[in-house]
Amino acid sequence: KVKIEVVLSDAQVEPAIEALIKSARTGKIGDGKIFVTSVEHVVR
């Protein structure tokens, strides 16, 4: 499998989830999962 990780602002989350579902779906078992968690602090 491939694990994709992205950190986004709250406003970008729903469009990103919809894009993931639309592009990754094959309709067969094993299409994968999406997990969303909160991020408290980020430093570049």
PDB file of all heavy atoms in Angstrom:
ATOM      1  N   LYS A   1       0.856  -1.185   0.000  1.00  0.00           N
ATOM      2  CA  LYS A   1       0.000   0.000   0.000  1.00  0.00           C
ATOM      3  C   LYS A   1       0.890   1.232   0.000  1.00  0.00           C
ATOM      4  O   LYS A   1       2.103   1.133   0.167  1.00  0.00           O
ATOM      5  CB  LYS A   1      -0.900   0.036   1.246  1.00  0.00           C
ATOM      6  CG  LYS A   1      -1.814  -1.155   1.430  1.00  0.00           C
ATOM      7  CD  LYS A   1      -2.954  -1.126   0.469  1.00  0.00           C
ATOM      8  CE  LYS A   1      -3.875  -2.323   0.736  1.00  0.00           C
ATOM      9  NZ  LYS A   1      -5.029  -2.312  -0.103  1.00  0.00           N
ATOM     10  N   VAL A   2       0.277   2.390  -0.150  1.00  0.00           N
ATOM     11  CA  VAL A   2       0.988   3.660  -0.070  1.00  0.00           C
ATOM     12  C   VAL A   2       0.293   4.510   0.986  1.00  0.00           C
ATOM     13  O   VAL A   2      -0.929   4.599   1.002  1.00  0.00           O
ATOM     14  CB  VAL A   2       0.975   4.394  -1.429  1.00  0.00           C
ATOM     15  CG1 VAL A   2       1.596   5.758  -1.309  1.00  0.00           C
ATOM     16  CG2 VAL A   2       1.710   3.585  -2.471  1.00  0.00           C
ATOM     17  N   LYS A   3       1.088   5.101   1.872  1.00  0.00           N
ATOM     18  CA  LYS A   3       0.533   5.992   2.905  1.00  0.00           C
ATOM     19  C   LYS A   3       0.877   7.425   2.526  1.00  0.00           C
ATOM     20  O   LYS A   3       2.042   7.760   2.317  1.00  0.00           O
ATOM     21  CB  LYS A   3       1.134   5.644   4.262  1.00  0.00           C
ATOM     22  CG  LYS A   3       0.642   6.517   5.389  1.00  0.00           C
ATOM     23  CD  LYS A   3       1.148   5.931   6.689  1.00  0.00           C
ATOM     24  CE  LYS A   3       1.391   6.937   7.730  1.00  0.00           C
ATOM     25  NZ  LYS A   3       1.913   6.354   8.966  1.00  0.00           N
ATOM     26  N   ILE A   4      -0.165   8.239   2.422  1.00  0.00           N
ATOM     27  CA  ILE A   4      -0.011   9.652   2.058  1.00  0.00           C
ATOM     28  C   ILE A   4      -0.344  10.481   3.298  1.00  0.00           C
ATOM     29  O   ILE A   4      -1.389  10.279   3.914  1.00  0.00           O
ATOM     30  CB  ILE A   4      -0.965  10.016   0.908  1.00  0.00           C
ATOM     31  CG1 ILE A   4      -0.641   9.154  -0.313  1.00  0.00           C
ATOM     32  CG2 ILE A   4      -0.880  11.500   0.582  1.00  0.00           C
ATOM     33  CD1 ILE A   4      -1.723   9.150  -1.355  1.00  0.00           C
ATOM     34  N   GLU A   5       0.553  11.398   3.652  1.00  0.00           N
ATOM     35  CA  GLU A   5       0.338  12.258   4.816  1.00  0.00           C
ATOM     36  C   GLU A   5       0.348  13.715   4.370  1.00  0.00           C
ATOM     37  O   GLU A   5       1.227  14.131   3.622  1.00  0.00           O
ATOM     38  CB  GLU A   5       1.434  12.031   5.859  1.00  0.00           C
ATOM     39  CG  GLU A   5       1.441  10.621   6.420  1.00  0.00           C
ATOM     40  CD  GLU A   5       2.615  10.379   7.335  1.00  0.00           C
ATOM     41  OE1 GLU A   5       3.675   9.983   6.826  1.00  0.00           O
ATOM     42  OE2 GLU A   5       2.467  10.615   8.548  1.00  0.00           O
ATOM     43  N   VAL A   6      -0.656  14.466   4.845  1.00  0.00           N
ATOM     44  CA  VAL A   6      -0.799  15.879   4.499  1.00  0.00           C
ATOM     45  C   VAL A   6      -1.266  16.627   5.740  1.00  0.00           C
ATOM     46  O   VAL A   6      -2.160  16.156   6.443  1.00  0.00           O
ATOM     47  CB  VAL A   6      -1.862  16.063   3.385  1.00  0.00           C
ATOM     48  CG1 VAL A   6      -1.964  17.507   2.981  1.00  0.00           C
ATOM     49  CG2 VAL A   6      -1.571  15.195   2.192  1.00  0.00           C
ATOM     50  N   VAL A   7      -0.684  17.786   6.014  1.00  0.00           N
ATOM     51  CA  VAL A   7      -1.160  18.666   7.089  1.00  0.00           C
ATOM     52  C   VAL A   7      -1.773  19.891   6.427  1.00  0.00           C
ATOM     53  O   VAL A   7      -1.142  20.537   5.590  1.00  0.00           O
ATOM     54  CB  VAL A   7      -0.023  19.060   8.049  1.00  0.00           C
ATOM     55  CG1 VAL A   7      -0.537  20.034   9.110  1.00  0.00           C
ATOM     56  CG2 VAL A   7       0.567  17.826   8.714  1.00  0.00           C
ATOM     57  N   LEU A   8      -3.029  20.179   6.809  1.00  0.00           N
ATOM     58  CA  LEU A   8      -3.803  21.236   6.154  1.00  0.00           C
ATOM     59  C   LEU A   8      -4.497  22.133   7.162  1.00  0.00           C
ATOM     60  O   LEU A   8      -4.733  21.738   8.305  1.00  0.00           O
ATOM     61  CB  LEU A   8      -4.887  20.604   5.270  1.00  0.00           C
ATOM     62  CG  LEU A   8      -4.446  19.626   4.203  1.00  0.00           C
ATOM     63  CD1 LEU A   8      -5.644  18.896   3.637  1.00  0.00           C
ATOM     64  CD2 LEU A   8      -3.729  20.372   3.118  1.00  0.00           C
ATOM     65  N   SER A   9      -4.898  23.303   6.689  1.00  0.00           N
ATOM     66  CA  SER A   9      -5.769  24.154   7.505  1.00  0.00           C
ATOM     67  C   SER A   9      -7.142  23.498   7.555  1.00  0.00           C
ATOM     68  O   SER A   9      -7.496  22.695   6.681  1.00  0.00           O
ATOM     69  CB  SER A   9      -5.868  25.551   6.900  1.00  0.00           C
ATOM     70  OG  SER A   9      -6.522  25.484   5.650  1.00  0.00           O
ATOM     71  N   ASP A  10      -7.927  23.836   8.552  1.00  0.00           N
ATOM     72  CA  ASP A  10      -9.248  23.225   8.729  1.00  0.00           C
ATOM     73  C   ASP A  10     -10.144  23.403   7.501  1.00  0.00           C
ATOM     74  O   ASP A  10     -10.910  22.510   7.157  1.00  0.00           O
ATOM     75  CB  ASP A  10      -9.943  23.805   9.971  1.00  0.00           C
ATOM     76  CG  ASP A  10      -9.257  23.378  11.265  1.00  0.00           C
ATOM     77  OD1 ASP A  10      -8.477  22.403  11.232  1.00  0.00           O
ATOM     78  OD2 ASP A  10      -9.504  24.009  12.304  1.00  0.00           O
ATOM     79  N   ALA A  11     -10.019  24.536   6.815  1.00  0.00           N
ATOM     80  CA  ALA A  11     -10.873  24.811   5.656  1.00  0.00           C
ATOM     81  C   ALA A  11     -10.551  23.900   4.466  1.00  0.00           C
ATOM     82  O   ALA A  11     -11.405  23.661   3.621  1.00  0.00           O
ATOM     83  CB  ALA A  11     -10.720  26.276   5.236  1.00  0.00           C
ATOM     84  N   GLN A  12      -9.331  23.385   4.386  1.00  0.00           N
ATOM     85  CA  GLN A  12      -8.921  22.547   3.267  1.00  0.00           C
ATOM     86  C   GLN A  12      -9.252  21.069   3.468  1.00  0.00           C
ATOM     87  O   GLN A  12      -9.143  20.290   2.522  1.00  0.00           O
ATOM     88  CB  GLN A  12      -7.412  22.666   3.039  1.00  0.00           C
ATOM     89  CG  GLN A  12      -6.954  24.001   2.498  1.00  0.00           C
ATOM     90  CD  GLN A  12      -5.455  24.002   2.317  1.00  0.00           C
ATOM     91  OE1 GLN A  12      -4.711  23.905   3.292  1.00  0.00           O
ATOM     92  NE2 GLN A  12      -5.007  24.103   1.078  1.00  0.00           N
ATOM     93  N   VAL A  13      -9.643  20.682   4.675  1.00  0.00           N
ATOM     94  CA  VAL A  13      -9.801  19.264   4.996  1.00  0.00           C
ATOM     95  C   VAL A  13     -10.892  18.582   4.174  1.00  0.00           C
ATOM     96  O   VAL A  13     -10.647  17.549   3.546  1.00  0.00           O
ATOM     97  CB  VAL A  13     -10.042  19.068   6.514  1.00  0.00           C
ATOM     98  CG1 VAL A  13     -10.400  17.632   6.824  1.00  0.00           C
ATOM     99  CG2 VAL A  13      -8.810  19.484   7.295  1.00  0.00           C
ATOM    100  N   GLU A  14     -12.094  19.122   4.153  1.00  0.00           N
ATOM    101  CA  GLU A  14     -13.200  18.470   3.429  1.00  0.00           C
ATOM    102  C   GLU A  14     -12.931  18.345   1.930  1.00  0.00           C
ATOM    103  O   GLU A  14     -13.132  17.267   1.364  1.00  0.00           O
ATOM    104  CB  GLU A  14     -14.533  19.172   3.701  1.00  0.00           C
ATOM    105  CG  GLU A  14     -15.107  18.864   5.074  1.00  0.00           C
ATOM    106  CD  GLU A  14     -15.240  17.371   5.374  1.00  0.00           C
ATOM    107  OE1 GLU A  14     -15.707  16.603   4.497  1.00  0.00           O
ATOM    108  OE2 GLU A  14     -14.863  16.957   6.478  1.00  0.00           O
ATOM    109  N   PRO A  15     -12.462  19.421   1.249  1.00  0.00           N
ATOM    110  CA  PRO A  15     -12.144  19.250  -0.166  1.00  0.00           C
ATOM    111  C   PRO A  15     -11.056  18.191  -0.407  1.00  0.00           C
ATOM    112  O   PRO A  15     -11.122  17.437  -1.374  1.00  0.00           O
ATOM    113  CB  PRO A  15     -11.655  20.632  -0.606  1.00  0.00           C
ATOM    114  CG  PRO A  15     -12.230  21.577   0.383  1.00  0.00           C
ATOM    115  CD  PRO A  15     -12.345  20.823   1.667  1.00  0.00           C
ATOM    116  N   ALA A  16     -10.078  18.117   0.489  1.00  0.00           N
ATOM    117  CA  ALA A  16      -9.006  17.131   0.343  1.00  0.00           C
ATOM    118  C   ALA A  16      -9.545  15.712   0.520  1.00  0.00           C
ATOM    119  O   ALA A  16      -9.175  14.806  -0.231  1.00  0.00           O
ATOM    120  CB  ALA A  16      -7.889  17.405   1.340  1.00  0.00           C
ATOM    121  N   ILE A  17     -10.430  15.515   1.484  1.00  0.00           N
ATOM    122  CA  ILE A  17     -11.025  14.192   1.703  1.00  0.00           C
ATOM    123  C   ILE A  17     -11.847  13.776   0.488  1.00  0.00           C
ATOM    124  O   ILE A  17     -11.750  12.635   0.017  1.00  0.00           O
ATOM    125  CB  ILE A  17     -11.876  14.178   2.992  1.00  0.00           C
ATOM    126  CG1 ILE A  17     -10.964  14.274   4.211  1.00  0.00           C
ATOM    127  CG2 ILE A  17     -12.732  12.906   3.060  1.00  0.00           C
ATOM    128  CD1 ILE A  17     -11.708  14.453   5.527  1.00  0.00           C
ATOM    129  N   GLU A  18     -12.641  14.687  -0.036  1.00  0.00           N
ATOM    130  CA  GLU A  18     -13.445  14.377  -1.226  1.00  0.00           C
ATOM    131  C   GLU A  18     -12.553  14.023  -2.413  1.00  0.00           C
ATOM    132  O   GLU A  18     -12.847  13.086  -3.158  1.00  0.00           O
ATOM    133  CB  GLU A  18     -14.347  15.562  -1.572  1.00  0.00           C
ATOM    134  CG  GLU A  18     -15.474  15.762  -0.578  1.00  0.00           C
ATOM    135  CD  GLU A  18     -16.268  17.031  -0.833  1.00  0.00           C
ATOM    136  OE1 GLU A  18     -16.276  17.509  -1.986  1.00  0.00           O
ATOM    137  OE2 GLU A  18     -16.874  17.543   0.122  1.00  0.00           O
ATOM    138  N   ALA A  19     -11.450  14.756  -2.586  1.00  0.00           N
ATOM    139  CA  ALA A  19     -10.514  14.473  -3.678  1.00  0.00           C
ATOM    140  C   ALA A  19      -9.871  13.096  -3.497  1.00  0.00           C
ATOM    141  O   ALA A  19      -9.712  12.345  -4.464  1.00  0.00           O
ATOM    142  CB  ALA A  19      -9.447  15.561  -3.745  1.00  0.00           C
ATOM    143  N   LEU A  20      -9.510  12.772  -2.257  1.00  0.00           N
ATOM    144  CA  LEU A  20      -8.925  11.458  -1.973  1.00  0.00           C
ATOM    145  C   LEU A  20      -9.901  10.335  -2.305  1.00  0.00           C
ATOM    146  O   LEU A  20      -9.539   9.361  -2.970  1.00  0.00           O
ATOM    147  CB  LEU A  20      -8.523  11.361  -0.496  1.00  0.00           C
ATOM    148  CG  LEU A  20      -7.178  11.955  -0.123  1.00  0.00           C
ATOM    149  CD1 LEU A  20      -7.095  12.193   1.369  1.00  0.00           C
ATOM    150  CD2 LEU A  20      -6.062  11.039  -0.588  1.00  0.00           C
ATOM    151  N   ILE A  21     -11.129  10.474  -1.853  1.00  0.00           N
ATOM    152  CA  ILE A  21     -12.128   9.430  -2.088  1.00  0.00           C
ATOM    153  C   ILE A  21     -12.366   9.255  -3.589  1.00  0.00           C
ATOM    154  O   ILE A  21     -12.367   8.130  -4.101  1.00  0.00           O
ATOM    155  CB  ILE A  21     -13.442   9.760  -1.364  1.00  0.00           C
ATOM    156  CG1 ILE A  21     -13.245   9.657   0.153  1.00  0.00           C
ATOM    157  CG2 ILE A  21     -14.561   8.835  -1.818  1.00  0.00           C
ATOM    158  CD1 ILE A  21     -14.396  10.214   0.968  1.00  0.00           C
ATOM    159  N   LYS A  22     -12.551  10.349  -4.279  1.00  0.00           N
ATOM    160  CA  LYS A  22     -12.856  10.292  -5.711  1.00  0.00           C
ATOM    161  C   LYS A  22     -11.710   9.665  -6.512  1.00  0.00           C
ATOM    162  O   LYS A  22     -11.931   8.863  -7.415  1.00  0.00           O
ATOM    163  CB  LYS A  22     -13.135  11.704  -6.214  1.00  0.00           C
ATOM    164  CG  LYS A  22     -13.733  11.777  -7.587  1.00  0.00           C
ATOM    165  CD  LYS A  22     -13.961  13.230  -7.965  1.00  0.00           C
ATOM    166  CE  LYS A  22     -15.375  13.428  -8.456  1.00  0.00           C
ATOM    167  NZ  LYS A  22     -15.624  14.788  -8.902  1.00  0.00           N
ATOM    168  N   SER A  23     -10.476  10.012  -6.168  1.00  0.00           N
ATOM    169  CA  SER A  23      -9.331   9.554  -6.957  1.00  0.00           C
ATOM    170  C   SER A  23      -8.820   8.174  -6.558  1.00  0.00           C
ATOM    171  O   SER A  23      -8.236   7.471  -7.385  1.00  0.00           O
ATOM    172  CB  SER A  23      -8.190  10.564  -6.864  1.00  0.00           C
ATOM    173  OG  SER A  23      -7.781  10.722  -5.521  1.00  0.00           O
ATOM    174  N   ALA A  24      -9.031   7.748  -5.322  1.00  0.00           N
ATOM    175  CA  ALA A  24      -8.478   6.468  -4.862  1.00  0.00           C
ATOM    176  C   ALA A  24      -9.466   5.306  -4.970  1.00  0.00           C
ATOM    177  O   ALA A  24      -9.067   4.150  -4.899  1.00  0.00           O
ATOM    178  CB  ALA A  24      -8.003   6.592  -3.412  1.00  0.00           C
ATOM    179  N   ARG A  25     -10.735   5.600  -5.163  1.00  0.00           N
ATOM    180  CA  ARG A  25     -11.755   4.546  -5.167  1.00  0.00           C
ATOM    181  C   ARG A  25     -11.709   3.717  -6.445  1.00  0.00           C
ATOM    182  O   ARG A  25     -11.681   4.244  -7.545  1.00  0.00           O
ATOM    183  CB  ARG A  25     -13.143   5.159  -5.015  1.00  0.00           C
ATOM    184  CG  ARG A  25     -14.266   4.121  -5.054  1.00  0.00           C
ATOM    185  CD  ARG A  25     -15.605   4.752  -4.897  1.00  0.00           C
ATOM    186  NE  ARG A  25     -15.817   5.055  -3.488  1.00  0.00           N
ATOM    187  CZ  ARG A  25     -16.629   5.999  -3.047  1.00  0.00           C
ATOM    188  NH1 ARG A  25     -17.304   6.742  -3.896  1.00  0.00           N
ATOM    189  NH2 ARG A  25     -16.771   6.190  -1.758  1.00  0.00           N
ATOM    190  N   THR A  26     -11.698   2.383  -6.260  1.00  0.00           N
ATOM    191  CA  THR A  26     -11.838   1.456  -7.385  1.00  0.00           C
ATOM    192  C   THR A  26     -13.163   0.705  -7.280  1.00  0.00           C
ATOM    193  O   THR A  26     -13.605   0.107  -8.240  1.00  0.00           O
ATOM    194  CB  THR A  26     -10.709   0.406  -7.429  1.00  0.00           C
ATOM    195  OG1 THR A  26     -10.808  -0.444  -6.286  1.00  0.00           O
ATOM    196  CG2 THR A  26      -9.346   1.053  -7.481  1.00  0.00           C
ATOM    197  N   GLY A  27     -13.742   0.718  -6.087  1.00  0.00           N
ATOM    198  CA  GLY A  27     -14.984  -0.004  -5.861  1.00  0.00           C
ATOM    199  C   GLY A  27     -14.761  -1.431  -5.403  1.00  0.00           C
ATOM    200  O   GLY A  27     -15.708  -2.173  -5.177  1.00  0.00           O
ATOM    201  N   LYS A  28     -13.510  -1.815  -5.265  1.00  0.00           N
ATOM    202  CA  LYS A  28     -13.185  -3.175  -4.840  1.00  0.00           C
ATOM    203  C   LYS A  28     -12.596  -3.155  -3.442  1.00  0.00           C
ATOM    204  O   LYS A  28     -12.120  -2.131  -2.969  1.00  0.00           O
ATOM    205  CB  LYS A  28     -12.195  -3.807  -5.812  1.00  0.00           C
ATOM    206  CG  LYS A  28     -12.773  -3.946  -7.208  1.00  0.00           C
ATOM    207  CD  LYS A  28     -11.782  -4.542  -8.153  1.00  0.00           C
ATOM    208  CE  LYS A  28     -12.430  -4.640  -9.533  1.00  0.00           C
ATOM    209  NZ  LYS A  28     -11.477  -4.627 -10.586  1.00  0.00           N
ATOM    210  N   ILE A  29     -12.606  -4.307  -2.797  1.00  0.00           N
ATOM    211  CA  ILE A  29     -12.063  -4.415  -1.448  1.00  0.00           C
ATOM    212  C   ILE A  29     -10.587  -4.026  -1.455  1.00  0.00           C
ATOM    213  O   ILE A  29      -9.871  -4.279  -2.416  1.00  0.00           O
ATOM    214  CB  ILE A  29     -12.285  -5.843  -0.890  1.00  0.00           C
ATOM    215  CG1 ILE A  29     -12.055  -5.872   0.624  1.00  0.00           C
ATOM    216  CG2 ILE A  29     -11.422  -6.848  -1.614  1.00  0.00           C
ATOM    217  CD1 ILE A  29     -12.601  -7.106   1.294  1.00  0.00           C
ATOM    218  N   GLY A  30     -10.152  -3.351  -0.390  1.00  0.00           N
ATOM    219  CA  GLY A  30      -8.758  -2.946  -0.277  1.00  0.00           C
ATOM    220  C   GLY A  30      -8.464  -1.563  -0.806  1.00  0.00           C
ATOM    221  O   GLY A  30      -7.305  -1.199  -0.976  1.00  0.00           O
ATOM    222  N   ASP A  31      -9.501  -0.752  -1.066  1.00  0.00           N
ATOM    223  CA  ASP A  31      -9.281   0.606  -1.559  1.00  0.00           C
ATOM    224  C   ASP A  31      -8.548   1.485  -0.546  1.00  0.00           C
ATOM    225  O   ASP A  31      -7.892   2.431  -0.927  1.00  0.00           O
ATOM    226  CB  ASP A  31     -10.606   1.271  -1.936  1.00  0.00           C
ATOM    227  CG  ASP A  31     -11.030   0.944  -3.348  1.00  0.00           C
ATOM    228  OD1 ASP A  31     -10.243   0.329  -4.088  1.00  0.00           O
ATOM    229  OD2 ASP A  31     -12.165   1.295  -3.714  1.00  0.00           O
ATOM    230  N   GLY A  32      -8.668   1.185   0.737  1.00  0.00           N
ATOM    231  CA  GLY A  32      -7.906   1.920   1.742  1.00  0.00           C
ATOM    232  C   GLY A  32      -8.761   2.653   2.751  1.00  0.00           C
ATOM    233  O   GLY A  32      -9.971   2.460   2.829  1.00  0.00           O
ATOM    234  N   LYS A  33      -8.099   3.504   3.522  1.00  0.00           N
ATOM    235  CA  LYS A  33      -8.754   4.257   4.589  1.00  0.00           C
ATOM    236  C   LYS A  33      -8.164   5.659   4.654  1.00  0.00           C
ATOM    237  O   LYS A  33      -7.053   5.910   4.204  1.00  0.00           O
ATOM    238  CB  LYS A  33      -8.516   3.580   5.935  1.00  0.00           C
ATOM    239  CG  LYS A  33      -9.192   2.242   6.089  1.00  0.00           C
ATOM    240  CD  LYS A  33      -9.963   2.193   7.380  1.00  0.00           C
ATOM    241  CE  LYS A  33     -10.845   0.998   7.504  1.00  0.00           C
ATOM    242  NZ  LYS A  33     -10.281  -0.283   7.255  1.00  0.00           N
ATOM    243  N   ILE A  34      -8.933   6.567   5.259  1.00  0.00           N
ATOM    244  CA  ILE A  34      -8.483   7.937   5.499  1.00  0.00           C
ATOM    245  C   ILE A  34      -8.643   8.216   6.989  1.00  0.00           C
ATOM    246  O   ILE A  34      -9.709   7.964   7.558  1.00  0.00           O
ATOM    247  CB  ILE A  34      -9.317   8.954   4.690  1.00  0.00           C
ATOM    248  CG1 ILE A  34      -9.178   8.683   3.197  1.00  0.00           C
ATOM    249  CG2 ILE A  34      -8.898  10.379   5.032  1.00  0.00           C
ATOM    250  CD1 ILE A  34     -10.128   9.492   2.334  1.00  0.00           C
ATOM    251  N   PHE A  35      -7.583   8.724   7.606  1.00  0.00           N
ATOM    252  CA  PHE A  35      -7.606   9.078   9.024  1.00  0.00           C
ATOM    253  C   PHE A  35      -7.345  10.575   9.147  1.00  0.00           C
ATOM    254  O   PHE A  35      -6.435  11.101   8.506  1.00  0.00           O
ATOM    255  CB  PHE A  35      -6.522   8.320   9.804  1.00  0.00           C
ATOM    256  CG  PHE A  35      -6.601   6.830   9.649  1.00  0.00           C
ATOM    257  CD1 PHE A  35      -5.839   6.173   8.694  1.00  0.00           C
ATOM    258  CD2 PHE A  35      -7.450   6.086  10.444  1.00  0.00           C
ATOM    259  CE1 PHE A  35      -5.904   4.800   8.547  1.00  0.00           C
ATOM    260  CE2 PHE A  35      -7.523   4.709  10.298  1.00  0.00           C
ATOM    261  CZ  PHE A  35      -6.750   4.066   9.349  1.00  0.00           C
ATOM    262  N   VAL A  36      -8.124  11.253   9.980  1.00  0.00           N
ATOM    263  CA  VAL A  36      -7.944  12.684  10.199  1.00  0.00           C
ATOM    264  C   VAL A  36      -7.703  12.910  11.685  1.00  0.00           C
ATOM    265  O   VAL A  36      -8.501  12.483  12.519  1.00  0.00           O
ATOM    266  CB  VAL A  36      -9.179  13.495   9.738  1.00  0.00           C
ATOM    267  CG1 VAL A  36      -8.955  14.979   9.969  1.00  0.00           C
ATOM    268  CG2 VAL A  36      -9.492  13.219   8.278  1.00  0.00           C
ATOM    269  N   THR A  37      -6.598  13.584  12.008  1.00  0.00           N
ATOM    270  CA  THR A  37      -6.270  13.882  13.400  1.00  0.00           C
ATOM    271  C   THR A  37      -5.932  15.364  13.538  1.00  0.00           C
ATOM    272  O   THR A  37      -5.568  16.023  12.564  1.00  0.00           O
ATOM    273  CB  THR A  37      -5.070  13.044  13.887  1.00  0.00           C
ATOM    274  OG1 THR A  37      -3.967  13.250  13.006  1.00  0.00           O
ATOM    275  CG2 THR A  37      -5.398  11.562  13.929  1.00  0.00           C
ATOM    276  N   SER A  38      -6.034  15.863  14.752  1.00  0.00           N
ATOM    277  CA  SER A  38      -5.698  17.262  15.023  1.00  0.00           C
ATOM    278  C   SER A  38      -4.195  17.433  15.165  1.00  0.00           C
ATOM    279  O   SER A  38      -3.510  16.560  15.688  1.00  0.00           O
ATOM    280  CB  SER A  38      -6.373  17.727  16.307  1.00  0.00           C
ATOM    281  OG  SER A  38      -7.764  17.768  16.123  1.00  0.00           O
ATOM    282  N   VAL A  39      -3.702  18.587  14.699  1.00  0.00           N
ATOM    283  CA  VAL A  39      -2.287  18.928  14.833  1.00  0.00           C
ATOM    284  C   VAL A  39      -2.222  20.170  15.714  1.00  0.00           C
ATOM    285  O   VAL A  39      -2.840  21.184  15.413  1.00  0.00           O
ATOM    286  CB  VAL A  39      -1.649  19.205  13.460  1.00  0.00           C
ATOM    287  CG1 VAL A  39      -0.225  19.705  13.616  1.00  0.00           C
ATOM    288  CG2 VAL A  39      -1.701  17.970  12.590  1.00  0.00           C
ATOM    289  N   GLU A  40      -1.474  20.082  16.793  1.00  0.00           N
ATOM    290  CA  GLU A  40      -1.410  21.189  17.744  1.00  0.00           C
ATOM    291  C   GLU A  40      -0.374  22.244  17.384  1.00  0.00           C
ATOM    292  O   GLU A  40      -0.590  23.428  17.607  1.00  0.00           O
ATOM    293  CB  GLU A  40      -1.117  20.644  19.144  1.00  0.00           C
ATOM    294  CG  GLU A  40      -2.268  19.844  19.704  1.00  0.00           C
ATOM    295  CD  GLU A  40      -1.999  19.372  21.114  1.00  0.00           C
ATOM    296  OE1 GLU A  40      -1.209  20.035  21.821  1.00  0.00           O
ATOM    297  OE2 GLU A  40      -2.564  18.350  21.496  1.00  0.00           O
ATOM    298  N   HIS A  41       0.761  21.798  16.849  1.00  0.00           N
ATOM    299  CA  HIS A  41       1.848  22.750  16.635  1.00  0.00           C
ATOM    300  C   HIS A  41       2.715  22.277  15.475  1.00  0.00           C
ATOM    301  O   HIS A  41       3.038  21.097  15.375  1.00  0.00           O
ATOM    302  CB  HIS A  41       2.683  22.857  17.917  1.00  0.00           C
ATOM    303  CG  HIS A  41       3.618  24.013  17.953  1.00  0.00           C
ATOM    304  ND1 HIS A  41       3.200  25.316  17.946  1.00  0.00           N
ATOM    305  CD2 HIS A  41       4.972  24.065  17.990  1.00  0.00           C
ATOM    306  CE1 HIS A  41       4.247  26.115  17.991  1.00  0.00           C
ATOM    307  NE2 HIS A  41       5.339  25.369  18.012  1.00  0.00           N
ATOM    308  N   VAL A  42       3.103  23.222  14.598  1.00  0.00           N
ATOM    309  CA  VAL A  42       3.980  22.926  13.473  1.00  0.00           C
ATOM    310  C   VAL A  42       5.074  23.977  13.441  1.00  0.00           C
ATOM    311  O   VAL A  42       4.809  25.160  13.655  1.00  0.00           O
ATOM    312  CB  VAL A  42       3.206  22.962  12.131  1.00  0.00           C
ATOM    313  CG1 VAL A  42       4.146  22.711  10.962  1.00  0.00           C
ATOM    314  CG2 VAL A  42       2.083  21.962  12.126  1.00  0.00           C
ATOM    315  N   VAL A  43       6.312  23.557  13.168  1.00  0.00           N
ATOM    316  CA  VAL A  43       7.429  24.490  13.033  1.00  0.00           C
ATOM    317  C   VAL A  43       8.193  24.144  11.756  1.00  0.00           C
ATOM    318  O   VAL A  43       8.562  22.989  11.548  1.00  0.00           O
ATOM    319  CB  VAL A  43       8.401  24.412  14.231  1.00  0.00           C
ATOM    320  CG1 VAL A  43       9.575  25.356  14.041  1.00  0.00           C
ATOM    321  CG2 VAL A  43       7.687  24.706  15.530  1.00  0.00           C
ATOM    322  N   ARG A  44       8.401  25.142  10.899  1.00  0.00           N
ATOM    323  CA  ARG A  44       9.258  24.935   9.731  1.00  0.00           C
ATOM    324  C   ARG A  44      10.690  25.155  10.200  1.00  0.00           C
ATOM    325  O   ARG A  44      11.034  26.233  10.693  1.00  0.00           O
ATOM    326  CB  ARG A  44       8.904  25.911   8.613  1.00  0.00           C
ATOM    327  CG  ARG A  44       9.836  25.751   7.405  1.00  0.00           C
ATOM    328  CD  ARG A  44       9.421  26.584   6.212  1.00  0.00           C
ATOM    329  NE  ARG A  44       8.275  25.919   5.589  1.00  0.00           N
ATOM    330  CZ  ARG A  44       7.221  26.543   5.110  1.00  0.00           C
ATOM    331  NH1 ARG A  44       7.131  27.861   5.196  1.00  0.00           N
ATOM    332  NH2 ARG A  44       6.245  25.885   4.538  1.00  0.00           N
TER     333      ARG A  44
END
